[in-house]
Amino acid sequence: MLKVLLFFTVITLNFPGFSQENISLSYIGNMGVYISNNQFSLLIDGLHTKYGEDYLFPDEKLVDKINTILKPDALLFTHQHGDHFNAKLSNDFLTLNKESILVGPNQITKNFSTFSDRIFTISTKNYVKQTIKYAEIKITGLKINHAGK
């Protein structure tokens, strides 16, 4: 949850015109959230499949809605655990949505050589902020420990 909050905070601070009065948030499942301001939208950790009995996930109908109606401008993934990311669902999304980008650590982005011009890797070798710019999109990310010390 801390990662999602950090990504959300960093993203909202870095999008010019990302007015707080017009932000729409939709819960997708587990840590997945769709954020939109009617000019730009992103999906964080929102394309994943069933991981275990205690984890909520987007059903087939919601995945179809993400692919065909919501169509986020950017997919962001924090890490490769099955309750945050699914390579097939993400690949399907990128195939259908040719203007969208995907941002995440190398453990995610290495799965998408076909879409290399729309894939951006956030380095996880250190804790230094890294900013990705694509068209009018500017995303700043950094490594955060998942759990433990």
N, C-alpha and C. Protein backbone atom coordinates (compact mmCIF):
# COMPACT_ATOMS: atom_id res chain seq x y z
N MET A 1 0.83 -1.20 0.00
CA MET A 1 0.00 0.00 0.00
C MET A 1 0.87 1.26 0.00
N LEU A 2 1.98 1.21 0.73
CA LEU A 2 2.88 2.36 0.78
C LEU A 2 3.41 2.71 -0.60
N LYS A 3 3.72 1.68 -1.41
CA LYS A 3 4.23 1.93 -2.77
C LYS A 3 3.18 2.64 -3.61
N VAL A 4 1.94 2.19 -3.52
CA VAL A 4 0.87 2.81 -4.30
C VAL A 4 0.70 4.26 -3.88
N LEU A 5 0.73 4.52 -2.57
CA LEU A 5 0.58 5.88 -2.06
C LEU A 5 1.74 6.74 -2.55
N LEU A 6 2.96 6.23 -2.50
CA LEU A 6 4.11 6.99 -2.97
C LEU A 6 4.00 7.28 -4.45
N PHE A 7 3.69 6.26 -5.26
CA PHE A 7 3.54 6.49 -6.70
C PHE A 7 2.47 7.54 -6.96
N PHE A 8 1.32 7.42 -6.28
CA PHE A 8 0.23 8.37 -6.48
C PHE A 8 0.69 9.78 -6.13
N THR A 9 1.38 9.94 -5.01
CA THR A 9 1.86 11.24 -4.57
C THR A 9 2.84 11.82 -5.57
N VAL A 10 3.81 11.02 -5.98
CA VAL A 10 4.82 11.49 -6.92
C VAL A 10 4.18 11.85 -8.25
N ILE A 11 3.27 11.03 -8.72
CA ILE A 11 2.63 11.27 -10.01
C ILE A 11 1.80 12.54 -9.98
N THR A 12 0.99 12.73 -8.96
CA THR A 12 0.14 13.91 -8.93
C THR A 12 0.95 15.18 -8.80
N LEU A 13 2.11 15.12 -8.19
CA LEU A 13 2.96 16.30 -8.07
C LEU A 13 3.68 16.61 -9.36
N ASN A 14 3.77 15.67 -10.28
CA ASN A 14 4.54 15.85 -11.49
C ASN A 14 3.72 16.07 -12.74
N PHE A 15 2.41 16.04 -12.68
CA PHE A 15 1.60 16.28 -13.86
C PHE A 15 1.06 17.69 -13.82
N PRO A 16 1.53 18.55 -14.74
CA PRO A 16 0.98 19.90 -14.79
C PRO A 16 -0.52 19.81 -15.10
N GLY A 17 -1.30 20.59 -14.41
CA GLY A 17 -2.72 20.61 -14.67
C GLY A 17 -3.48 19.44 -14.08
N PHE A 18 -2.83 18.62 -13.28
CA PHE A 18 -3.50 17.47 -12.67
C PHE A 18 -4.27 17.98 -11.46
N SER A 19 -5.36 18.68 -11.72
CA SER A 19 -6.13 19.35 -10.70
C SER A 19 -6.77 18.36 -9.73
N GLN A 20 -6.64 18.63 -8.45
CA GLN A 20 -7.21 17.74 -7.44
C GLN A 20 -8.73 17.76 -7.46
N GLU A 21 -9.34 18.81 -7.98
CA GLU A 21 -10.79 18.88 -8.02
C GLU A 21 -11.39 17.89 -9.02
N ASN A 22 -10.61 17.46 -10.01
CA ASN A 22 -11.14 16.62 -11.08
C ASN A 22 -10.59 15.21 -11.08
N ILE A 23 -9.95 14.79 -10.03
CA ILE A 23 -9.35 13.45 -10.01
C ILE A 23 -10.42 12.41 -9.69
N SER A 24 -10.40 11.35 -10.48
CA SER A 24 -11.28 10.21 -10.26
C SER A 24 -10.41 9.00 -9.92
N LEU A 25 -10.74 8.29 -8.86
CA LEU A 25 -10.03 7.08 -8.44
C LEU A 25 -10.98 5.90 -8.49
N SER A 26 -10.52 4.79 -9.06
CA SER A 26 -11.31 3.57 -9.09
C SER A 26 -10.46 2.42 -8.59
N TYR A 27 -10.97 1.69 -7.62
CA TYR A 27 -10.27 0.52 -7.10
C TYR A 27 -10.42 -0.62 -8.10
N ILE A 28 -9.32 -1.30 -8.42
CA ILE A 28 -9.32 -2.36 -9.41
C ILE A 28 -9.24 -3.74 -8.77
N GLY A 29 -8.47 -3.89 -7.72
CA GLY A 29 -8.28 -5.18 -7.05
C GLY A 29 -6.92 -5.23 -6.40
N ASN A 30 -6.84 -5.81 -5.23
CA ASN A 30 -5.62 -5.85 -4.42
C ASN A 30 -5.06 -4.44 -4.30
N MET A 31 -3.90 -4.14 -4.87
CA MET A 31 -3.33 -2.79 -4.80
C MET A 31 -3.62 -1.97 -6.05
N GLY A 32 -4.41 -2.50 -6.98
CA GLY A 32 -4.67 -1.83 -8.24
C GLY A 32 -5.59 -0.64 -8.11
N VAL A 33 -5.21 0.45 -8.77
CA VAL A 33 -6.03 1.65 -8.76
C VAL A 33 -5.92 2.35 -10.12
N TYR A 34 -7.06 2.82 -10.61
CA TYR A 34 -7.13 3.60 -11.84
C TYR A 34 -7.34 5.05 -11.44
N ILE A 35 -6.51 5.95 -11.99
CA ILE A 35 -6.58 7.37 -11.65
C ILE A 35 -6.75 8.15 -12.94
N SER A 36 -7.71 9.08 -12.94
CA SER A 36 -7.96 9.88 -14.14
C SER A 36 -8.34 11.30 -13.74
N ASN A 37 -7.98 12.24 -14.61
CA ASN A 37 -8.44 13.62 -14.43
C ASN A 37 -9.12 14.11 -15.71
N ASN A 38 -9.59 13.19 -16.54
CA ASN A 38 -10.26 13.46 -17.81
C ASN A 38 -9.33 14.02 -18.88
N GLN A 39 -8.04 14.20 -18.57
CA GLN A 39 -7.04 14.58 -19.57
C GLN A 39 -5.97 13.50 -19.68
N PHE A 40 -5.72 12.84 -18.57
CA PHE A 40 -4.68 11.82 -18.49
C PHE A 40 -5.16 10.76 -17.51
N SER A 41 -4.81 9.50 -17.79
CA SER A 41 -5.20 8.44 -16.86
C SER A 41 -4.07 7.43 -16.74
N LEU A 42 -4.02 6.78 -15.60
CA LEU A 42 -3.03 5.74 -15.38
C LEU A 42 -3.61 4.63 -14.52
N LEU A 43 -3.03 3.48 -14.69
CA LEU A 43 -3.43 2.30 -13.94
C LEU A 43 -2.20 1.80 -13.20
N ILE A 44 -2.28 1.73 -11.89
CA ILE A 44 -1.17 1.26 -11.07
C ILE A 44 -1.49 -0.13 -10.55
N ASP A 45 -0.61 -1.08 -10.83
CA ASP A 45 -0.73 -2.46 -10.35
C ASP A 45 -2.13 -3.04 -10.56
N GLY A 46 -2.72 -2.75 -11.72
CA GLY A 46 -4.12 -3.11 -11.92
C GLY A 46 -4.40 -4.25 -12.88
N LEU A 47 -3.38 -4.81 -13.52
CA LEU A 47 -3.63 -5.95 -14.42
C LEU A 47 -2.95 -7.18 -13.84
N HIS A 48 -3.73 -7.95 -13.11
CA HIS A 48 -3.22 -9.18 -12.49
C HIS A 48 -4.35 -10.18 -12.39
N THR A 49 -4.00 -11.43 -12.18
CA THR A 49 -4.99 -12.51 -12.09
C THR A 49 -5.04 -13.04 -10.67
N LYS A 50 -5.87 -14.03 -10.45
CA LYS A 50 -6.03 -14.60 -9.11
C LYS A 50 -4.69 -15.06 -8.58
N TYR A 51 -4.38 -14.64 -7.37
CA TYR A 51 -3.10 -14.91 -6.72
C TYR A 51 -3.27 -15.81 -5.51
N GLY A 52 -4.39 -15.69 -4.87
CA GLY A 52 -4.71 -16.47 -3.67
C GLY A 52 -6.09 -16.06 -3.18
N GLU A 53 -6.60 -16.82 -2.25
CA GLU A 53 -7.96 -16.57 -1.75
C GLU A 53 -8.12 -15.21 -1.09
N ASP A 54 -7.06 -14.66 -0.53
CA ASP A 54 -7.15 -13.39 0.19
C ASP A 54 -6.94 -12.16 -0.68
N TYR A 55 -6.72 -12.36 -1.97
CA TYR A 55 -6.39 -11.25 -2.86
C TYR A 55 -7.51 -11.02 -3.87
N LEU A 56 -7.95 -9.78 -3.98
CA LEU A 56 -8.95 -9.42 -4.98
C LEU A 56 -8.24 -9.14 -6.31
N PHE A 57 -8.89 -9.44 -7.40
CA PHE A 57 -8.28 -9.24 -8.71
C PHE A 57 -9.37 -8.79 -9.69
N PRO A 58 -8.97 -8.13 -10.78
CA PRO A 58 -9.97 -7.71 -11.76
C PRO A 58 -10.50 -8.91 -12.54
N ASP A 59 -11.82 -9.05 -12.56
CA ASP A 59 -12.40 -10.17 -13.32
C ASP A 59 -12.33 -9.86 -14.82
N GLU A 60 -12.75 -10.81 -15.63
CA GLU A 60 -12.66 -10.68 -17.09
C GLU A 60 -13.41 -9.46 -17.61
N LYS A 61 -14.55 -9.18 -17.02
CA LYS A 61 -15.35 -8.03 -17.44
C LYS A 61 -14.62 -6.71 -17.16
N LEU A 62 -13.98 -6.61 -16.00
CA LEU A 62 -13.24 -5.40 -15.65
C LEU A 62 -11.98 -5.25 -16.52
N VAL A 63 -11.29 -6.35 -16.79
CA VAL A 63 -10.12 -6.29 -17.68
C VAL A 63 -10.55 -5.81 -19.06
N ASP A 64 -11.68 -6.29 -19.56
CA ASP A 64 -12.19 -5.83 -20.85
C ASP A 64 -12.50 -4.34 -20.80
N LYS A 65 -13.07 -3.86 -19.71
CA LYS A 65 -13.38 -2.43 -19.56
C LYS A 65 -12.09 -1.62 -19.54
N ILE A 66 -11.05 -2.11 -18.87
CA ILE A 66 -9.75 -1.43 -18.86
C ILE A 66 -9.20 -1.32 -20.28
N ASN A 67 -9.28 -2.42 -21.02
CA ASN A 67 -8.72 -2.48 -22.38
C ASN A 67 -9.48 -1.64 -23.39
N THR A 68 -10.81 -1.54 -23.25
CA THR A 68 -11.62 -0.94 -24.30
C THR A 68 -12.31 0.37 -23.94
N ILE A 69 -12.52 0.63 -22.67
CA ILE A 69 -13.23 1.85 -22.27
C ILE A 69 -12.32 2.79 -21.49
N LEU A 70 -11.71 2.31 -20.41
CA LEU A 70 -10.85 3.17 -19.59
C LEU A 70 -9.57 3.55 -20.33
N LYS A 71 -8.94 2.60 -20.98
CA LYS A 71 -7.74 2.80 -21.80
C LYS A 71 -6.74 3.77 -21.15
N PRO A 72 -6.17 3.42 -20.02
CA PRO A 72 -5.22 4.34 -19.37
C PRO A 72 -4.05 4.70 -20.30
N ASP A 73 -3.59 5.93 -20.16
CA ASP A 73 -2.44 6.40 -20.94
C ASP A 73 -1.15 5.71 -20.49
N ALA A 74 -1.11 5.32 -19.22
CA ALA A 74 0.10 4.67 -18.70
C ALA A 74 -0.28 3.54 -17.75
N LEU A 75 0.44 2.44 -17.86
CA LEU A 75 0.38 1.35 -16.89
C LEU A 75 1.63 1.48 -16.03
N LEU A 76 1.46 1.47 -14.72
CA LEU A 76 2.60 1.50 -13.82
C LEU A 76 2.55 0.25 -12.96
N PHE A 77 3.68 -0.41 -12.82
CA PHE A 77 3.77 -1.59 -11.97
C PHE A 77 4.91 -1.41 -10.99
N THR A 78 4.65 -1.74 -9.73
CA THR A 78 5.66 -1.58 -8.69
C THR A 78 6.62 -2.76 -8.62
N HIS A 79 6.08 -3.98 -8.85
CA HIS A 79 6.94 -5.17 -8.83
C HIS A 79 6.18 -6.34 -9.46
N GLN A 80 6.86 -7.48 -9.59
CA GLN A 80 6.35 -8.58 -10.39
C GLN A 80 5.51 -9.60 -9.62
N HIS A 81 5.14 -9.38 -8.41
CA HIS A 81 4.30 -10.34 -7.70
C HIS A 81 2.95 -10.47 -8.41
N GLY A 82 2.39 -11.67 -8.36
CA GLY A 82 1.17 -11.99 -9.08
C GLY A 82 -0.06 -11.23 -8.65
N ASP A 83 -0.01 -10.57 -7.49
CA ASP A 83 -1.15 -9.76 -7.06
C ASP A 83 -0.99 -8.30 -7.48
N HIS A 84 0.03 -8.02 -8.31
CA HIS A 84 0.27 -6.67 -8.83
C HIS A 84 0.41 -6.65 -10.35
N PHE A 85 0.85 -7.76 -10.94
CA PHE A 85 1.23 -7.76 -12.35
C PHE A 85 0.97 -9.10 -13.01
N ASN A 86 0.51 -9.05 -14.27
CA ASN A 86 0.40 -10.23 -15.11
C ASN A 86 0.89 -9.86 -16.50
N ALA A 87 1.90 -10.58 -17.00
CA ALA A 87 2.52 -10.26 -18.29
C ALA A 87 1.53 -10.40 -19.44
N LYS A 88 0.72 -11.45 -19.45
CA LYS A 88 -0.22 -11.66 -20.56
C LYS A 88 -1.26 -10.56 -20.62
N LEU A 89 -1.86 -10.22 -19.49
CA LEU A 89 -2.86 -9.15 -19.48
C LEU A 89 -2.26 -7.82 -19.92
N SER A 90 -1.05 -7.56 -19.49
CA SER A 90 -0.37 -6.31 -19.86
C SER A 90 -0.02 -6.29 -21.34
N ASN A 91 0.44 -7.41 -21.85
CA ASN A 91 0.75 -7.53 -23.28
C ASN A 91 -0.52 -7.32 -24.11
N ASP A 92 -1.61 -7.93 -23.70
CA ASP A 92 -2.88 -7.76 -24.41
C ASP A 92 -3.29 -6.29 -24.43
N PHE A 93 -3.14 -5.63 -23.28
CA PHE A 93 -3.50 -4.22 -23.19
C PHE A 93 -2.66 -3.38 -24.15
N LEU A 94 -1.35 -3.57 -24.13
CA LEU A 94 -0.46 -2.78 -25.00
C LEU A 94 -0.72 -3.04 -26.48
N THR A 95 -1.12 -4.25 -26.81
CA THR A 95 -1.45 -4.59 -28.20
C THR A 95 -2.68 -3.82 -28.66
N LEU A 96 -3.67 -3.70 -27.79
CA LEU A 96 -4.91 -3.00 -28.12
C LEU A 96 -4.79 -1.48 -28.03
N ASN A 97 -3.92 -1.00 -27.16
CA ASN A 97 -3.82 0.44 -26.88
C ASN A 97 -2.44 0.95 -27.29
N LYS A 98 -2.31 1.28 -28.55
CA LYS A 98 -1.01 1.58 -29.17
C LYS A 98 -0.39 2.90 -28.74
N GLU A 99 -1.12 3.74 -28.03
CA GLU A 99 -0.59 5.02 -27.56
C GLU A 99 -0.16 4.95 -26.09
N SER A 100 -0.52 3.90 -25.41
CA SER A 100 -0.23 3.78 -23.97
C SER A 100 1.20 3.34 -23.73
N ILE A 101 1.72 3.72 -22.57
CA ILE A 101 3.07 3.33 -22.17
C ILE A 101 3.00 2.43 -20.94
N LEU A 102 4.11 1.77 -20.65
CA LEU A 102 4.23 0.94 -19.45
C LEU A 102 5.50 1.35 -18.74
N VAL A 103 5.41 1.53 -17.41
CA VAL A 103 6.54 1.94 -16.59
C VAL A 103 6.65 0.97 -15.41
N GLY A 104 7.86 0.55 -15.11
CA GLY A 104 8.08 -0.33 -13.97
C GLY A 104 9.55 -0.69 -13.84
N PRO A 105 9.88 -1.51 -12.85
CA PRO A 105 11.25 -1.97 -12.70
C PRO A 105 11.60 -2.99 -13.78
N ASN A 106 12.87 -3.28 -13.94
CA ASN A 106 13.33 -4.21 -14.97
C ASN A 106 12.65 -5.57 -14.90
N GLN A 107 12.34 -6.05 -13.70
CA GLN A 107 11.67 -7.36 -13.58
C GLN A 107 10.33 -7.36 -14.29
N ILE A 108 9.75 -6.20 -14.52
CA ILE A 108 8.50 -6.06 -15.29
C ILE A 108 8.83 -5.78 -16.75
N THR A 109 9.62 -4.75 -17.00
CA THR A 109 9.82 -4.26 -18.36
C THR A 109 10.56 -5.24 -19.27
N LYS A 110 11.33 -6.15 -18.71
CA LYS A 110 12.06 -7.12 -19.54
C LYS A 110 11.11 -8.05 -20.29
N ASN A 111 9.85 -8.09 -19.91
CA ASN A 111 8.85 -8.94 -20.56
C ASN A 111 8.27 -8.36 -21.84
N PHE A 112 8.69 -7.15 -22.25
CA PHE A 112 7.99 -6.44 -23.32
C PHE A 112 8.91 -5.91 -24.42
N SER A 113 9.77 -6.72 -24.96
CA SER A 113 10.68 -6.27 -26.02
C SER A 113 9.93 -5.83 -27.28
N THR A 114 8.76 -6.37 -27.51
CA THR A 114 7.96 -6.01 -28.69
C THR A 114 7.54 -4.55 -28.67
N PHE A 115 7.37 -3.99 -27.49
CA PHE A 115 6.88 -2.62 -27.34
C PHE A 115 7.98 -1.68 -26.84
N SER A 116 9.21 -1.91 -27.22
CA SER A 116 10.35 -1.21 -26.62
C SER A 116 10.24 0.31 -26.65
N ASP A 117 9.58 0.89 -27.65
CA ASP A 117 9.46 2.34 -27.72
C ASP A 117 8.44 2.90 -26.73
N ARG A 118 7.66 2.03 -26.09
CA ARG A 118 6.64 2.47 -25.12
C ARG A 118 6.87 1.90 -23.73
N ILE A 119 8.04 1.32 -23.50
CA ILE A 119 8.36 0.70 -22.22
C ILE A 119 9.46 1.50 -21.55
N PHE A 120 9.26 1.84 -20.27
CA PHE A 120 10.23 2.64 -19.53
C PHE A 120 10.56 1.95 -18.21
N THR A 121 11.86 1.80 -17.97
CA THR A 121 12.33 1.10 -16.78
C THR A 121 12.78 2.09 -15.71
N ILE A 122 12.27 1.89 -14.51
CA ILE A 122 12.74 2.63 -13.34
C ILE A 122 13.82 1.77 -12.69
N SER A 123 15.00 2.31 -12.53
CA SER A 123 16.11 1.57 -11.95
C SER A 123 15.82 1.23 -10.49
N THR A 124 16.14 0.00 -10.10
CA THR A 124 15.96 -0.39 -8.69
C THR A 124 17.30 -0.77 -8.06
N LYS A 125 18.38 -0.27 -8.63
CA LYS A 125 19.70 -0.57 -8.09
C LYS A 125 20.07 0.36 -6.94
N ASN A 126 19.40 1.49 -6.83
CA ASN A 126 19.69 2.43 -5.75
C ASN A 126 18.39 3.14 -5.38
N TYR A 127 18.47 4.12 -4.54
CA TYR A 127 17.28 4.80 -4.06
C TYR A 127 17.17 6.22 -4.62
N VAL A 128 17.78 6.46 -5.77
CA VAL A 128 17.77 7.78 -6.39
C VAL A 128 16.53 7.93 -7.27
N LYS A 129 15.90 9.10 -7.22
CA LYS A 129 14.74 9.36 -8.06
C LYS A 129 15.13 9.34 -9.53
N GLN A 130 14.23 8.84 -10.35
CA GLN A 130 14.44 8.78 -11.78
C GLN A 130 13.18 9.27 -12.46
N THR A 131 13.32 10.21 -13.39
CA THR A 131 12.16 10.78 -14.08
C THR A 131 12.12 10.29 -15.51
N ILE A 132 10.95 9.82 -15.91
CA ILE A 132 10.69 9.36 -17.27
C ILE A 132 9.80 10.41 -17.93
N LYS A 133 10.15 10.82 -19.15
CA LYS A 133 9.32 11.76 -19.90
C LYS A 133 8.92 11.11 -21.21
N TYR A 134 7.63 11.19 -21.52
CA TYR A 134 7.10 10.67 -22.77
C TYR A 134 5.96 11.58 -23.18
N ALA A 135 6.13 12.28 -24.30
CA ALA A 135 5.15 13.27 -24.74
C ALA A 135 4.92 14.26 -23.60
N GLU A 136 3.69 14.44 -23.17
CA GLU A 136 3.38 15.36 -22.06
C GLU A 136 3.40 14.66 -20.70
N ILE A 137 3.76 13.38 -20.69
CA ILE A 137 3.74 12.59 -19.46
C ILE A 137 5.10 12.67 -18.78
N LYS A 138 5.11 12.92 -17.50
CA LYS A 138 6.33 12.95 -16.71
C LYS A 138 6.07 12.14 -15.44
N ILE A 139 6.83 11.06 -15.25
CA ILE A 139 6.65 10.18 -14.10
C ILE A 139 7.98 10.05 -13.38
N THR A 140 7.96 10.26 -12.09
CA THR A 140 9.16 10.11 -11.26
C THR A 140 8.97 8.91 -10.35
N GLY A 141 9.94 8.02 -10.37
CA GLY A 141 9.89 6.83 -9.54
C GLY A 141 11.21 6.61 -8.83
N LEU A 142 11.20 5.71 -7.87
CA LEU A 142 12.40 5.35 -7.15
C LEU A 142 12.19 3.99 -6.48
N LYS A 143 13.28 3.38 -6.09
CA LYS A 143 13.22 2.09 -5.40
C LYS A 143 12.72 2.29 -3.98
N ILE A 144 11.84 1.41 -3.56
CA ILE A 144 11.36 1.34 -2.18
C ILE A 144 11.36 -0.11 -1.79
N ASN A 145 11.80 -0.40 -0.60
CA ASN A 145 11.80 -1.80 -0.14
C ASN A 145 10.36 -2.30 -0.03
N HIS A 146 10.16 -3.55 -0.41
CA HIS A 146 8.83 -4.17 -0.39
C HIS A 146 8.39 -4.48 1.04
N ALA A 147 9.25 -5.13 1.77
CA ALA A 147 8.91 -5.52 3.15
C ALA A 147 10.20 -5.82 3.90
N GLY A 148 10.10 -5.92 5.20
CA GLY A 148 11.27 -6.25 6.00
C GLY A 148 12.08 -5.03 6.36
N LYS A 149 13.39 -5.24 6.66
CA LYS A 149 14.26 -4.14 7.08
C LYS A 149 14.56 -3.24 5.91
